[in-house]
């Protein structure tokens, strides 16, 4: 019998976001809940400037890029086949979108947490305003040598050959 509620996960494409996605998929599988993968986006120039000089073609392009980013994260992060996944690309601030979608007390909201992240404000806002339990998943730790190698990597390093 499926559990009440859903598992909502904020997806960003970062390592912390991918770790949150995997943790949320495991939680959804073990509880029999639906997994709602959410990627929230705003126009690069911000909503205020976009409203002054609205360009629907630019906004549609941004939405397509966000949807592609969500698809890549789901493909890379992997979700078990027995989990029902609902994909949501939402034009809103991430904290507001996540709290709106995980609005019931029996939901579970999963977010990634990068160390020293500039986006810690999202984590603080979600923790302060969520109406359900929030699970914060840290990014995996890499050794200094691995981080250096990843920073210097080029497309050729990942090409099959």
C-alpha atoms as a PDB file:
ATOM      1  CA  UNK A   1       0.000   0.000   0.000  1.00  0.00           C
ATOM      2  CA  UNK A   2       1.406   3.385  -0.971  1.00  0.00           C
ATOM      3  CA  UNK A   3       2.166   5.885   1.760  1.00  0.00           C
ATOM      4  CA  UNK A   4       0.340   9.184   1.909  1.00  0.00           C
ATOM      5  CA  UNK A   5       2.157  12.246   0.676  1.00  0.00           C
ATOM      6  CA  UNK A   6       4.926  12.622  -1.837  1.00  0.00           C
ATOM      7  CA  UNK A   7       8.670  13.076  -1.881  1.00  0.00           C
ATOM      8  CA  UNK A   8       9.555  16.448  -3.405  1.00  0.00           C
ATOM      9  CA  UNK A   9      13.175  17.055  -4.388  1.00  0.00           C
ATOM     10  CA  UNK A  10      14.828  20.249  -5.571  1.00  0.00           C
ATOM     11  CA  UNK A  11      17.011  19.535  -8.578  1.00  0.00           C
ATOM     12  CA  UNK A  12      19.742  21.925  -9.664  1.00  0.00           C
ATOM     13  CA  UNK A  13      22.244  19.790 -11.546  1.00  0.00           C
ATOM     14  CA  UNK A  14      24.913  20.370  -8.881  1.00  0.00           C
ATOM     15  CA  UNK A  15      26.583  17.495  -7.045  1.00  0.00           C
ATOM     16  CA  UNK A  16      24.504  18.323  -3.962  1.00  0.00           C
ATOM     17  CA  UNK A  17      21.362  18.321  -6.115  1.00  0.00           C
ATOM     18  CA  UNK A  18      22.254  14.929  -7.581  1.00  0.00           C
ATOM     19  CA  UNK A  19      22.899  13.535  -4.090  1.00  0.00           C
ATOM     20  CA  UNK A  20      19.510  14.898  -2.998  1.00  0.00           C
ATOM     21  CA  UNK A  21      17.876  13.291  -6.039  1.00  0.00           C
ATOM     22  CA  UNK A  22      19.345   9.883  -5.233  1.00  0.00           C
ATOM     23  CA  UNK A  23      18.345  10.171  -1.575  1.00  0.00           C
ATOM     24  CA  UNK A  24      14.815  11.245  -2.533  1.00  0.00           C
ATOM     25  CA  UNK A  25      14.507   8.336  -4.988  1.00  0.00           C
ATOM     26  CA  UNK A  26      15.499   5.881  -2.251  1.00  0.00           C
ATOM     27  CA  UNK A  27      12.985   7.477   0.141  1.00  0.00           C
ATOM     28  CA  UNK A  28      10.224   7.305  -2.484  1.00  0.00           C
ATOM     29  CA  UNK A  29      11.007   3.670  -3.266  1.00  0.00           C
ATOM     30  CA  UNK A  30      11.108   2.569   0.358  1.00  0.00           C
ATOM     31  CA  UNK A  31       7.876   4.392   1.279  1.00  0.00           C
ATOM     32  CA  UNK A  32       5.926   3.761  -1.918  1.00  0.00           C
ATOM     33  CA  UNK A  33       5.489   7.487  -2.534  1.00  0.00           C
ATOM     34  CA  UNK A  34       5.573   9.451  -5.763  1.00  0.00           C
ATOM     35  CA  UNK A  35       8.814  11.342  -6.440  1.00  0.00           C
ATOM     36  CA  UNK A  36       8.302  14.931  -7.617  1.00  0.00           C
ATOM     37  CA  UNK A  37      11.525  16.290  -9.161  1.00  0.00           C
ATOM     38  CA  UNK A  38      11.417  20.091  -9.286  1.00  0.00           C
ATOM     39  CA  UNK A  39      13.677  22.500 -11.120  1.00  0.00           C
ATOM     40  CA  UNK A  40      12.723  26.105 -10.425  1.00  0.00           C
ATOM     41  CA  UNK A  41      14.037  28.872 -12.636  1.00  0.00           C
ATOM     42  CA  UNK A  42      13.825  32.622 -13.053  1.00  0.00           C
ATOM     43  CA  UNK A  43      14.831  34.769 -16.013  1.00  0.00           C
ATOM     44  CA  UNK A  44      18.591  35.474 -15.864  1.00  0.00           C
ATOM     45  CA  UNK A  45      17.951  39.199 -15.605  1.00  0.00           C
ATOM     46  CA  UNK A  46      15.403  38.680 -12.800  1.00  0.00           C
ATOM     47  CA  UNK A  47      11.635  38.959 -12.825  1.00  0.00           C
ATOM     48  CA  UNK A  48      11.552  42.723 -12.302  1.00  0.00           C
ATOM     49  CA  UNK A  49      13.696  43.548 -15.340  1.00  0.00           C
ATOM     50  CA  UNK A  50      11.981  40.870 -17.404  1.00  0.00           C
ATOM     51  CA  UNK A  51       8.571  42.389 -16.581  1.00  0.00           C
ATOM     52  CA  UNK A  52       9.771  45.803 -17.814  1.00  0.00           C
ATOM     53  CA  UNK A  53      10.941  44.416 -21.124  1.00  0.00           C
ATOM     54  CA  UNK A  54       9.048  41.183 -21.531  1.00  0.00           C
ATOM     55  CA  UNK A  55      10.265  38.821 -24.239  1.00  0.00           C
ATOM     56  CA  UNK A  56       8.176  35.665 -24.485  1.00  0.00           C
ATOM     57  CA  UNK A  57      10.641  33.984 -26.871  1.00  0.00           C
ATOM     58  CA  UNK A  58      13.483  34.512 -24.383  1.00  0.00           C
ATOM     59  CA  UNK A  59      11.336  33.170 -21.522  1.00  0.00           C
ATOM     60  CA  UNK A  60      10.366  30.117 -23.613  1.00  0.00           C
ATOM     61  CA  UNK A  61      14.038  29.458 -24.352  1.00  0.00           C
ATOM     62  CA  UNK A  62      14.884  29.709 -20.639  1.00  0.00           C
ATOM     63  CA  UNK A  63      12.087  27.234 -19.854  1.00  0.00           C
ATOM     64  CA  UNK A  64      13.427  24.782 -22.478  1.00  0.00           C
ATOM     65  CA  UNK A  65      16.950  25.065 -21.057  1.00  0.00           C
ATOM     66  CA  UNK A  66      15.594  24.429 -17.548  1.00  0.00           C
ATOM     67  CA  UNK A  67      13.628  21.376 -18.752  1.00  0.00           C
ATOM     68  CA  UNK A  68      16.736  19.992 -20.466  1.00  0.00           C
ATOM     69  CA  UNK A  69      18.742  20.535 -17.272  1.00  0.00           C
ATOM     70  CA  UNK A  70      16.128  18.604 -15.285  1.00  0.00           C
ATOM     71  CA  UNK A  71      16.192  15.765 -17.829  1.00  0.00           C
ATOM     72  CA  UNK A  72      20.005  15.580 -17.663  1.00  0.00           C
ATOM     73  CA  UNK A  73      19.963  15.516 -13.870  1.00  0.00           C
ATOM     74  CA  UNK A  74      17.372  12.726 -13.845  1.00  0.00           C
ATOM     75  CA  UNK A  75      19.347  10.732 -16.405  1.00  0.00           C
ATOM     76  CA  UNK A  76      22.621  11.230 -14.562  1.00  0.00           C
ATOM     77  CA  UNK A  77      21.227  10.868 -11.040  1.00  0.00           C
ATOM     78  CA  UNK A  78      19.191   7.823 -11.961  1.00  0.00           C
ATOM     79  CA  UNK A  79      15.877   6.854 -10.447  1.00  0.00           C
ATOM     80  CA  UNK A  80      14.721   3.313  -9.743  1.00  0.00           C
ATOM     81  CA  UNK A  81      12.290   1.942 -12.306  1.00  0.00           C
ATOM     82  CA  UNK A  82       9.719   1.105  -9.622  1.00  0.00           C
ATOM     83  CA  UNK A  83       9.413   4.781  -8.572  1.00  0.00           C
ATOM     84  CA  UNK A  84       6.832   7.013 -10.227  1.00  0.00           C
ATOM     85  CA  UNK A  85       8.568  10.278 -11.147  1.00  0.00           C
ATOM     86  CA  UNK A  86       6.720  13.513 -11.822  1.00  0.00           C
ATOM     87  CA  UNK A  87       8.877  16.173 -13.495  1.00  0.00           C
ATOM     88  CA  UNK A  88       8.094  19.805 -12.709  1.00  0.00           C
ATOM     89  CA  UNK A  89       9.808  22.815 -14.268  1.00  0.00           C
ATOM     90  CA  UNK A  90       8.526  25.865 -12.424  1.00  0.00           C
ATOM     91  CA  UNK A  91       9.122  29.531 -13.098  1.00  0.00           C
ATOM     92  CA  UNK A  92       9.573  30.798  -9.552  1.00  0.00           C
ATOM     93  CA  UNK A  93      12.140  31.260  -6.834  1.00  0.00           C
ATOM     94  CA  UNK A  94      13.358  27.809  -5.763  1.00  0.00           C
ATOM     95  CA  UNK A  95      12.391  28.187  -2.094  1.00  0.00           C
ATOM     96  CA  UNK A  96       8.847  29.303  -2.933  1.00  0.00           C
ATOM     97  CA  UNK A  97       8.336  26.627  -5.585  1.00  0.00           C
ATOM     98  CA  UNK A  98       9.538  23.829  -3.307  1.00  0.00           C
ATOM     99  CA  UNK A  99       7.442  24.959  -0.336  1.00  0.00           C
ATOM    100  CA  UNK A 100       4.373  25.310  -2.580  1.00  0.00           C
ATOM    101  CA  UNK A 101       4.758  21.800  -4.018  1.00  0.00           C
ATOM    102  CA  UNK A 102       5.525  20.164  -0.655  1.00  0.00           C
ATOM    103  CA  UNK A 103       2.618  21.810   1.140  1.00  0.00           C
ATOM    104  CA  UNK A 104       1.187  18.873   3.112  1.00  0.00           C
ATOM    105  CA  UNK A 105       2.495  17.693   6.488  1.00  0.00           C
ATOM    106  CA  UNK A 106       2.869  14.114   5.206  1.00  0.00           C
ATOM    107  CA  UNK A 107       5.139  15.152   2.307  1.00  0.00           C
ATOM    108  CA  UNK A 108       8.924  14.959   2.483  1.00  0.00           C
ATOM    109  CA  UNK A 109      11.037  17.752   0.992  1.00  0.00           C
ATOM    110  CA  UNK A 110      14.625  16.865   0.032  1.00  0.00           C
ATOM    111  CA  UNK A 111      17.202  19.517  -0.872  1.00  0.00           C
ATOM    112  CA  UNK A 112      20.932  19.475  -1.529  1.00  0.00           C
ATOM    113  CA  UNK A 113      23.389  21.502   0.520  1.00  0.00           C
ATOM    114  CA  UNK A 114      26.698  22.599  -0.923  1.00  0.00           C
ATOM    115  CA  UNK A 115      29.402  23.667   1.473  1.00  0.00           C
ATOM    116  CA  UNK A 116      29.959  27.436   1.458  1.00  0.00           C
ATOM    117  CA  UNK A 117      27.255  27.812  -1.167  1.00  0.00           C
ATOM    118  CA  UNK A 118      25.999  31.215  -2.197  1.00  0.00           C
ATOM    119  CA  UNK A 119      22.541  29.675  -2.428  1.00  0.00           C
ATOM    120  CA  UNK A 120      22.373  28.854   1.286  1.00  0.00           C
ATOM    121  CA  UNK A 121      19.524  31.376   1.386  1.00  0.00           C
ATOM    122  CA  UNK A 122      17.325  28.850  -0.415  1.00  0.00           C
ATOM    123  CA  UNK A 123      18.130  26.233   2.215  1.00  0.00           C
ATOM    124  CA  UNK A 124      17.378  28.684   5.048  1.00  0.00           C
ATOM    125  CA  UNK A 125      14.087  29.818   3.497  1.00  0.00           C
ATOM    126  CA  UNK A 126      12.925  26.263   2.809  1.00  0.00           C
ATOM    127  CA  UNK A 127      13.800  25.182   6.349  1.00  0.00           C
ATOM    128  CA  UNK A 128      11.958  28.178   7.804  1.00  0.00           C
ATOM    129  CA  UNK A 129       8.783  27.971   5.696  1.00  0.00           C
ATOM    130  CA  UNK A 130       8.229  24.312   4.818  1.00  0.00           C
ATOM    131  CA  UNK A 131       5.062  22.700   6.163  1.00  0.00           C
ATOM    132  CA  UNK A 132       6.590  19.227   6.040  1.00  0.00           C
ATOM    133  CA  UNK A 133       9.810  17.532   7.135  1.00  0.00           C
ATOM    134  CA  UNK A 134      12.901  18.758   5.251  1.00  0.00           C
ATOM    135  CA  UNK A 135      15.859  16.474   4.605  1.00  0.00           C
ATOM    136  CA  UNK A 136      19.080  18.298   3.682  1.00  0.00           C
ATOM    137  CA  UNK A 137      21.630  16.177   1.817  1.00  0.00           C
ATOM    138  CA  UNK A 138      25.260  17.333   1.676  1.00  0.00           C
ATOM    139  CA  UNK A 139      27.293  17.240  -1.497  1.00  0.00           C
ATOM    140  CA  UNK A 140      29.749  14.352  -1.680  1.00  0.00           C
ATOM    141  CA  UNK A 141      33.236  15.222  -0.545  1.00  0.00           C
ATOM    142  CA  UNK A 142      36.081  14.939  -3.039  1.00  0.00           C
ATOM    143  CA  UNK A 143      39.765  14.817  -2.312  1.00  0.00           C
ATOM    144  CA  UNK A 144      41.722  17.944  -3.224  1.00  0.00           C
ATOM    145  CA  UNK A 145      43.475  16.135  -6.104  1.00  0.00           C
ATOM    146  CA  UNK A 146      40.126  15.030  -7.607  1.00  0.00           C
ATOM    147  CA  UNK A 147      38.671  18.543  -7.364  1.00  0.00           C
ATOM    148  CA  UNK A 148      41.717  19.973  -9.142  1.00  0.00           C
ATOM    149  CA  UNK A 149      41.450  17.374 -11.911  1.00  0.00           C
ATOM    150  CA  UNK A 150      37.736  18.086 -12.404  1.00  0.00           C
ATOM    151  CA  UNK A 151      38.339  21.840 -12.640  1.00  0.00           C
ATOM    152  CA  UNK A 152      40.944  21.328 -15.350  1.00  0.00           C
ATOM    153  CA  UNK A 153      38.924  18.748 -17.318  1.00  0.00           C
ATOM    154  CA  UNK A 154      37.886  19.476 -20.889  1.00  0.00           C
ATOM    155  CA  UNK A 155      35.318  17.851 -23.164  1.00  0.00           C
ATOM    156  CA  UNK A 156      38.043  15.618 -24.623  1.00  0.00           C
ATOM    157  CA  UNK A 157      38.638  14.081 -21.205  1.00  0.00           C
ATOM    158  CA  UNK A 158      35.109  12.664 -21.269  1.00  0.00           C
ATOM    159  CA  UNK A 159      35.000  11.604 -24.929  1.00  0.00           C
ATOM    160  CA  UNK A 160      34.892   7.887 -25.615  1.00  0.00           C
ATOM    161  CA  UNK A 161      37.930   6.859 -27.467  1.00  0.00           C
END
